[in-house]
Amino acid sequence: MDIIVLRPDATDDNISVIVKKLDSWGLKANISKGTERTIIGVIGDTSQVSEEEEDALKAMEWVENVLRILKPYKLASREFKKTNTEIKVGNHVIGGNRIHVMAGPCAVESRQGLLEIARKVKECGATFLRAGAFKPRTSPYSFQGLGEEGLKYLAEARQETGLFIVTEIMDARDIDVIVKYTDIIQIGARNMQNFRLLLEVGSAKKPVLLKRGLSSTIKEWLMSAEYIMSRGNHEVMFCERGIRTFETATRNTLDLSSVPLLKKLSHLPVVVDPSHGVGKWDLVTPMAMAAVAAGADALLIEVHTNPEEALSDGEQSLRPDYFKKLMDSIKPIAKAIGREI
């Protein structure tokens, strides 16, 4: 909220009301009276003005419009930081020239199964192992994950393969145990607006992979990142995983336009999860190729040695041989745009 446009019939008393309101918020008013309109330029940190307070101004009958120049998502915006944020995890940099691939099963199902998949994706060129120890499921009767036991298996896989770990947190009460084992904390789509959880993760000293909510707008997504960053953790990356639309041919509608749009609005890295975006294994590779072309900094791919026996998301999981083909397919695209896998 940086410019307030008044209606032609606004009086000096009306203007005085607005000036006093701004003053109560610690802001100053620069009044410019034209022949047709009076415009009030707001001076000060307007990012502290809430949407409710802005709506209260819009409700005044002598106010025609209220415009924001500075974004409400201050810390995540390009205005706050012009250069791209690069997030270091071990010897890897997310947001730099290299496009990283985070691959693995939807859930940690067993020690041996996880280690086998970890070895396979490592051989194919993945740099991160993704798998859930705590699983958010639509049905309370579905497999919910192995909990801390699953986290221990992930740590063992990291020790053996050198792959860094990405796993999801569902409950703020699990923050200590999650931080103990993982390298990147994932916030799932269903928790994108779990603001208490976002604040807790914001206090952690771990990079955060923030997935887009099922029906969330870009602005809502950016504001969720702002919650995390407001607590001091600026190592946040967005993850586009498809949104819910009227289309039923795929699991979700993968919004690849969000990648260049986020790059324009924010300095934070952008990851794409084509597996959840389409929900069908044979569509994952072409959408991964498109994500690389769109400018994604990393991909999140579900891989399973026996998808037909997977305890969750088997339909969208690639077998290791198909994952190898995906890796081969995205390399020339990355090279064509001046990047590498």
Protein backbone atom coordinates (compact mmCIF):
# COMPACT_ATOMS: atom_id res chain seq x y z
CA MET A 1 0.00 0.00 0.00
CA ASP A 2 2.02 2.92 -1.32
CA ILE A 3 -0.44 5.12 -3.24
CA ILE A 4 -4.00 6.08 -2.21
CA VAL A 5 -6.18 7.52 -4.99
CA LEU A 6 -9.15 9.58 -3.76
CA ARG A 7 -12.46 10.19 -5.46
CA PRO A 8 -13.02 13.62 -7.08
CA ASP A 9 -15.45 14.66 -4.30
CA ALA A 10 -13.03 13.90 -1.43
CA THR A 11 -12.86 16.77 1.07
CA ASP A 12 -10.03 18.10 3.22
CA ASP A 13 -11.69 16.46 6.23
CA ASN A 14 -11.64 13.15 4.39
CA ILE A 15 -7.95 13.58 3.64
CA SER A 16 -7.30 14.42 7.30
CA VAL A 17 -8.88 11.12 8.38
CA ILE A 18 -6.51 9.18 6.11
CA VAL A 19 -3.47 11.18 7.25
CA LYS A 20 -4.29 10.45 10.90
CA LYS A 21 -4.75 6.77 10.11
CA LEU A 22 -1.37 6.61 8.38
CA ASP A 23 0.24 8.47 11.25
CA SER A 24 -1.10 5.89 13.71
CA TRP A 25 0.74 3.24 11.67
CA GLY A 26 4.00 5.20 11.78
CA LEU A 27 3.66 6.34 8.15
CA LYS A 28 3.72 9.78 6.55
CA ALA A 29 1.53 11.23 3.77
CA ASN A 30 2.65 13.15 0.69
CA ILE A 31 -0.52 14.84 -0.63
CA SER A 32 -0.69 15.74 -4.32
CA LYS A 33 -3.83 17.59 -5.48
CA GLY A 34 -4.57 17.55 -9.19
CA THR A 35 -7.41 19.04 -11.19
CA GLU A 36 -9.41 15.80 -11.12
CA ARG A 37 -7.91 13.63 -8.40
CA THR A 38 -6.04 13.86 -5.12
CA ILE A 39 -3.30 11.26 -4.65
CA ILE A 40 -1.66 10.44 -1.33
CA GLY A 41 1.81 8.98 -1.53
CA VAL A 42 2.57 6.85 1.55
CA ILE A 43 6.06 7.26 2.98
CA GLY A 44 7.56 4.60 5.26
CA ASP A 45 7.69 0.81 5.58
CA THR A 46 4.29 -0.10 4.15
CA SER A 47 5.08 -3.82 4.26
CA GLN A 48 4.00 -3.69 7.93
CA VAL A 49 0.45 -2.73 6.94
CA SER A 50 -1.75 -5.84 7.02
CA GLU A 51 -4.26 -6.75 4.33
CA GLU A 52 -7.06 -6.12 6.83
CA GLU A 53 -5.82 -2.59 7.48
CA GLU A 54 -5.47 -1.98 3.75
CA ASP A 55 -9.03 -3.23 3.23
CA ALA A 56 -10.22 -0.76 5.89
CA LEU A 57 -8.80 2.08 3.79
CA LYS A 58 -10.43 0.73 0.64
CA ALA A 59 -13.76 0.66 2.47
CA MET A 60 -13.73 4.44 2.96
CA GLU A 61 -16.30 5.87 0.56
CA TRP A 62 -13.99 8.70 -0.58
CA VAL A 63 -11.15 6.28 -1.51
CA GLU A 64 -11.15 5.17 -5.14
CA ASN A 65 -8.15 2.84 -5.13
CA VAL A 66 -5.22 1.68 -3.01
CA LEU A 67 -2.08 0.55 -4.84
CA ARG A 68 0.96 -1.29 -3.55
CA ILE A 69 4.40 -0.75 -5.04
CA LEU A 70 6.37 -2.76 -2.49
CA LYS A 71 5.28 -6.39 -2.28
CA PRO A 72 3.75 -7.71 0.98
CA TYR A 73 6.26 -10.58 0.70
CA LYS A 74 9.19 -8.30 1.42
CA LEU A 75 12.00 -10.76 2.25
CA ALA A 76 11.15 -13.13 -0.61
CA SER A 77 10.85 -10.38 -3.22
CA ARG A 78 13.25 -9.20 -5.92
CA GLU A 79 13.02 -5.74 -4.39
CA PHE A 80 14.64 -7.08 -1.22
CA LYS A 81 17.39 -8.98 -3.06
CA LYS A 82 18.27 -8.48 -6.72
CA THR A 83 20.65 -11.44 -7.08
CA ASN A 84 19.53 -15.07 -7.07
CA THR A 85 19.77 -16.89 -3.75
CA GLU A 86 22.06 -19.91 -3.86
CA ILE A 87 21.48 -22.54 -1.19
CA LYS A 88 24.48 -24.66 -0.21
CA VAL A 89 23.90 -28.22 0.94
CA GLY A 90 27.21 -29.94 1.54
CA ASN A 91 29.19 -29.52 -1.66
CA HIS A 92 26.09 -28.80 -3.75
CA VAL A 93 24.56 -25.42 -4.64
CA ILE A 94 20.85 -25.15 -5.46
CA GLY A 95 20.07 -22.05 -7.49
CA GLY A 96 23.40 -21.96 -9.31
CA ASN A 97 24.33 -23.20 -12.77
CA ARG A 98 23.79 -26.87 -11.98
CA ILE A 99 20.29 -28.32 -12.05
CA HIS A 100 20.01 -30.88 -9.25
CA VAL A 101 17.82 -33.96 -9.28
CA MET A 102 16.21 -35.18 -6.05
CA ALA A 103 14.98 -38.73 -6.54
CA GLY A 104 13.64 -41.63 -4.53
CA PRO A 105 10.46 -43.35 -3.36
CA CYS A 106 7.41 -41.52 -2.09
CA ALA A 107 7.85 -43.17 1.30
CA VAL A 108 10.52 -45.08 3.19
CA GLU A 109 9.03 -48.56 3.17
CA SER A 110 11.94 -50.72 4.33
CA ARG A 111 15.65 -50.46 4.96
CA GLN A 112 16.69 -52.77 2.13
CA GLY A 113 14.25 -51.26 -0.35
CA LEU A 114 15.42 -47.73 0.37
CA LEU A 115 19.11 -48.63 0.09
CA GLU A 116 18.50 -50.36 -3.23
CA ILE A 117 16.68 -47.34 -4.67
CA ALA A 118 19.32 -44.94 -3.30
CA ARG A 119 22.09 -46.87 -5.05
CA LYS A 120 20.14 -46.87 -8.33
CA VAL A 121 19.37 -43.14 -8.40
CA LYS A 122 22.96 -42.36 -7.41
CA GLU A 123 24.22 -44.39 -10.37
CA CYS A 124 21.93 -42.41 -12.68
CA GLY A 125 23.24 -39.04 -11.48
CA ALA A 126 20.84 -37.90 -8.75
CA THR A 127 22.41 -35.73 -6.05
CA PHE A 128 19.67 -35.91 -3.41
CA LEU A 129 17.56 -38.75 -2.02
CA ARG A 130 13.91 -37.88 -1.41
CA ALA A 131 11.61 -40.06 0.69
CA GLY A 132 9.03 -39.54 3.40
CA ALA A 133 9.36 -41.01 6.89
CA PHE A 134 6.16 -39.25 7.99
CA LYS A 135 3.48 -39.39 5.28
CA PRO A 136 0.38 -37.16 4.95
CA ARG A 137 -2.34 -39.38 3.46
CA THR A 138 -5.89 -38.59 2.45
CA SER A 139 -7.13 -41.73 4.18
CA PRO A 140 -6.28 -42.42 7.85
CA TYR A 141 -6.10 -46.12 6.92
CA SER A 142 -3.32 -45.67 4.35
CA PHE A 143 0.37 -46.22 5.12
CA GLN A 144 1.52 -43.31 7.31
CA GLY A 145 5.28 -43.87 7.20
CA LEU A 146 7.88 -45.45 9.50
CA GLY A 147 8.62 -42.34 11.57
CA GLU A 148 12.05 -42.09 13.20
CA GLU A 149 12.94 -45.60 12.06
CA GLY A 150 12.54 -44.38 8.47
CA LEU A 151 14.73 -41.37 9.22
CA LYS A 152 17.48 -43.70 10.45
CA TYR A 153 17.29 -45.64 7.18
CA LEU A 154 17.63 -42.37 5.27
CA ALA A 155 20.71 -41.45 7.29
CA GLU A 156 22.20 -44.86 6.52
CA ALA A 157 21.52 -44.38 2.81
CA ARG A 158 23.25 -41.00 2.94
CA GLN A 159 26.25 -42.56 4.65
CA GLU A 160 26.54 -45.26 2.00
CA THR A 161 25.80 -43.27 -1.17
CA GLY A 162 26.71 -39.66 -0.34
CA LEU A 163 23.25 -38.51 -1.38
CA PHE A 164 21.85 -35.68 0.73
CA ILE A 165 18.40 -36.17 2.25
CA VAL A 166 15.08 -34.44 1.57
CA THR A 167 12.19 -35.50 3.80
CA GLU A 168 8.89 -34.04 4.90
CA ILE A 169 7.81 -32.62 8.25
CA MET A 170 4.13 -32.80 9.16
CA ASP A 171 4.04 -31.71 12.79
CA ALA A 172 5.99 -28.99 14.59
CA ARG A 173 6.50 -31.45 17.46
CA ASP A 174 8.74 -33.51 15.15
CA ILE A 175 11.09 -30.63 14.31
CA ASP A 176 13.97 -31.81 16.51
CA VAL A 177 14.01 -35.37 15.20
CA ILE A 178 13.62 -34.24 11.58
CA VAL A 179 16.49 -31.74 11.86
CA LYS A 180 18.67 -34.44 13.43
CA TYR A 181 18.55 -36.62 10.31
CA THR A 182 17.67 -34.55 7.23
CA ASP A 183 19.55 -32.07 5.05
CA ILE A 184 16.48 -30.35 3.55
CA ILE A 185 13.12 -30.05 5.31
CA GLN A 186 10.14 -30.45 3.00
CA ILE A 187 6.86 -28.68 3.68
CA GLY A 188 4.15 -30.60 1.87
CA ALA A 189 1.33 -29.11 -0.17
CA ARG A 190 -1.24 -29.71 2.57
CA ASN A 191 0.88 -27.79 5.08
CA MET A 192 1.82 -24.82 2.90
CA GLN A 193 -0.44 -22.58 4.99
CA ASN A 194 0.16 -24.27 8.33
CA PHE A 195 1.59 -21.01 9.65
CA ARG A 196 2.68 -22.29 13.05
CA LEU A 197 4.65 -25.05 11.35
CA LEU A 198 6.19 -22.53 8.94
CA LEU A 199 7.34 -20.38 11.84
CA GLU A 200 8.89 -23.37 13.61
CA VAL A 201 10.75 -24.38 10.45
CA GLY A 202 11.83 -20.76 10.09
CA SER A 203 13.69 -21.09 13.37
CA ALA A 204 15.53 -24.23 12.21
CA LYS A 205 18.97 -24.10 10.64
CA LYS A 206 18.08 -26.24 7.64
CA PRO A 207 17.12 -25.37 4.04
CA VAL A 208 13.38 -25.67 3.36
CA LEU A 209 11.61 -27.06 0.29
CA LEU A 210 8.20 -25.36 0.25
CA LYS A 211 5.65 -27.14 -1.91
CA ARG A 212 2.77 -25.25 -3.46
CA GLY A 213 -0.65 -25.81 -1.88
CA LEU A 214 -3.29 -27.78 -3.74
CA SER A 215 -5.25 -24.66 -4.75
CA SER A 216 -2.88 -21.88 -3.75
CA THR A 217 -2.15 -18.72 -5.69
CA ILE A 218 1.38 -17.53 -6.39
CA LYS A 219 0.90 -14.71 -3.88
CA GLU A 220 -0.22 -17.10 -1.13
CA TRP A 221 2.78 -19.28 -1.87
CA LEU A 222 5.15 -16.32 -1.64
CA MET A 223 3.56 -15.24 1.62
CA SER A 224 4.16 -18.72 3.06
CA ALA A 225 7.83 -18.36 2.19
CA GLU A 226 7.73 -15.00 3.96
CA TYR A 227 6.53 -16.70 7.15
CA ILE A 228 9.60 -18.95 7.14
CA MET A 229 12.00 -16.14 6.27
CA SER A 230 10.53 -13.82 8.92
CA ARG A 231 12.04 -16.11 11.57
CA GLY A 232 15.54 -15.78 10.11
CA ASN A 233 15.74 -18.81 7.80
CA HIS A 234 16.30 -17.41 4.30
CA GLU A 235 17.26 -20.76 2.76
CA VAL A 236 13.88 -21.43 1.17
CA MET A 237 13.15 -22.96 -2.21
CA PHE A 238 9.77 -23.19 -3.93
CA CYS A 239 8.50 -26.50 -5.32
CA GLU A 240 5.80 -26.50 -8.00
CA ARG A 241 3.91 -29.82 -7.78
CA GLY A 242 0.74 -29.08 -9.67
CA ILE A 243 -2.51 -27.45 -8.60
CA ARG A 244 -6.09 -28.67 -8.47
CA THR A 245 -8.17 -27.63 -11.48
CA PHE A 246 -11.24 -28.97 -13.28
CA GLU A 247 -9.01 -31.35 -15.30
CA THR A 248 -9.17 -35.02 -14.28
CA ALA A 249 -6.97 -36.62 -16.96
CA THR A 250 -3.92 -36.04 -14.75
CA ARG A 251 -3.54 -36.05 -10.98
CA ASN A 252 -2.96 -32.29 -10.93
CA THR A 253 -2.30 -29.51 -13.43
CA LEU A 254 1.45 -28.81 -13.46
CA ASP A 255 1.77 -25.03 -13.66
CA LEU A 256 5.15 -24.57 -15.34
CA SER A 257 4.40 -20.88 -15.91
CA SER A 258 5.02 -20.51 -12.16
CA VAL A 259 8.75 -21.13 -12.72
CA PRO A 260 9.60 -18.03 -14.78
CA LEU A 261 7.00 -16.02 -12.87
CA LEU A 262 8.58 -16.85 -9.50
CA LYS A 263 12.01 -16.08 -10.96
CA LYS A 264 10.67 -12.65 -11.85
CA LEU A 265 9.02 -11.97 -8.49
CA SER A 266 11.48 -13.66 -6.14
CA HIS A 267 15.20 -14.38 -5.73
CA LEU A 268 14.60 -17.86 -4.25
CA PRO A 269 15.35 -21.12 -6.16
CA VAL A 270 12.50 -22.97 -7.86
CA VAL A 271 12.11 -26.76 -7.91
CA VAL A 272 9.59 -28.72 -10.00
CA ASP A 273 7.97 -32.02 -9.00
CA PRO A 274 6.52 -33.48 -12.21
CA SER A 275 5.69 -36.79 -10.49
CA HIS A 276 2.93 -35.26 -8.34
CA GLY A 277 2.18 -32.77 -11.10
CA VAL A 278 0.88 -35.43 -13.49
CA GLY A 279 0.48 -38.58 -11.39
CA LYS A 280 1.30 -40.89 -14.32
CA TRP A 281 4.79 -42.33 -14.76
CA ASP A 282 4.83 -42.07 -18.56
CA LEU A 283 4.20 -38.31 -18.43
CA VAL A 284 6.92 -37.56 -15.89
CA THR A 285 9.89 -37.44 -18.31
CA PRO A 286 8.36 -35.00 -20.85
CA MET A 287 7.26 -32.69 -18.04
CA ALA A 288 10.71 -32.91 -16.44
CA MET A 289 12.19 -31.86 -19.77
CA ALA A 290 9.77 -28.96 -19.98
CA ALA A 291 10.58 -27.93 -16.38
CA VAL A 292 14.29 -27.73 -17.20
CA ALA A 293 13.53 -25.63 -20.28
CA ALA A 294 11.34 -23.34 -18.14
CA GLY A 295 14.25 -22.61 -15.80
CA ALA A 296 13.83 -24.97 -12.84
CA ASP A 297 16.81 -25.14 -10.48
CA ALA A 298 16.05 -28.73 -9.44
CA LEU A 299 13.67 -31.61 -10.09
CA LEU A 300 11.90 -33.86 -7.58
CA ILE A 301 11.32 -37.30 -9.10
CA GLU A 302 9.69 -40.38 -7.59
CA VAL A 303 11.59 -43.61 -8.28
CA HIS A 304 10.76 -47.13 -7.10
CA THR A 305 12.20 -50.52 -8.04
CA ASN A 306 8.75 -52.15 -7.91
CA PRO A 307 6.08 -49.48 -8.45
CA GLU A 308 3.29 -52.05 -8.51
CA GLU A 309 4.18 -52.95 -4.91
CA ALA A 310 4.74 -49.39 -3.67
CA LEU A 311 2.83 -48.49 -0.52
CA SER A 312 2.08 -45.03 -1.96
CA ASP A 313 2.15 -43.27 -5.36
CA GLY A 314 3.19 -46.32 -7.38
CA GLU A 315 1.38 -45.07 -10.48
CA GLN A 316 3.63 -42.03 -10.79
CA SER A 317 6.92 -43.69 -9.82
CA LEU A 318 9.60 -44.42 -12.41
CA ARG A 319 11.53 -47.66 -12.48
CA PRO A 320 15.30 -47.09 -12.32
CA ASP A 321 15.78 -47.80 -16.05
CA TYR A 322 13.17 -45.16 -16.96
CA PHE A 323 14.74 -42.76 -14.50
CA LYS A 324 18.04 -43.25 -16.34
CA LYS A 325 16.28 -42.32 -19.59
CA LEU A 326 14.87 -39.20 -17.91
CA MET A 327 18.36 -38.16 -16.83
CA ASP A 328 19.66 -38.68 -20.37
CA SER A 329 16.75 -36.66 -21.80
CA ILE A 330 17.20 -33.56 -19.65
CA LYS A 331 20.97 -33.20 -20.09
CA PRO A 332 20.90 -31.79 -23.66
CA ILE A 333 18.11 -29.37 -22.69
CA ALA A 334 20.15 -28.09 -19.77
CA LYS A 335 23.15 -27.67 -22.05
CA ALA A 336 21.07 -25.77 -24.61
CA ILE A 337 20.15 -23.13 -22.02
CA GLY A 338 23.67 -22.84 -20.64
CA ARG A 339 23.26 -25.07 -17.58
CA GLU A 340 24.28 -28.56 -16.56
CA ILE A 341 22.84 -31.59 -14.76
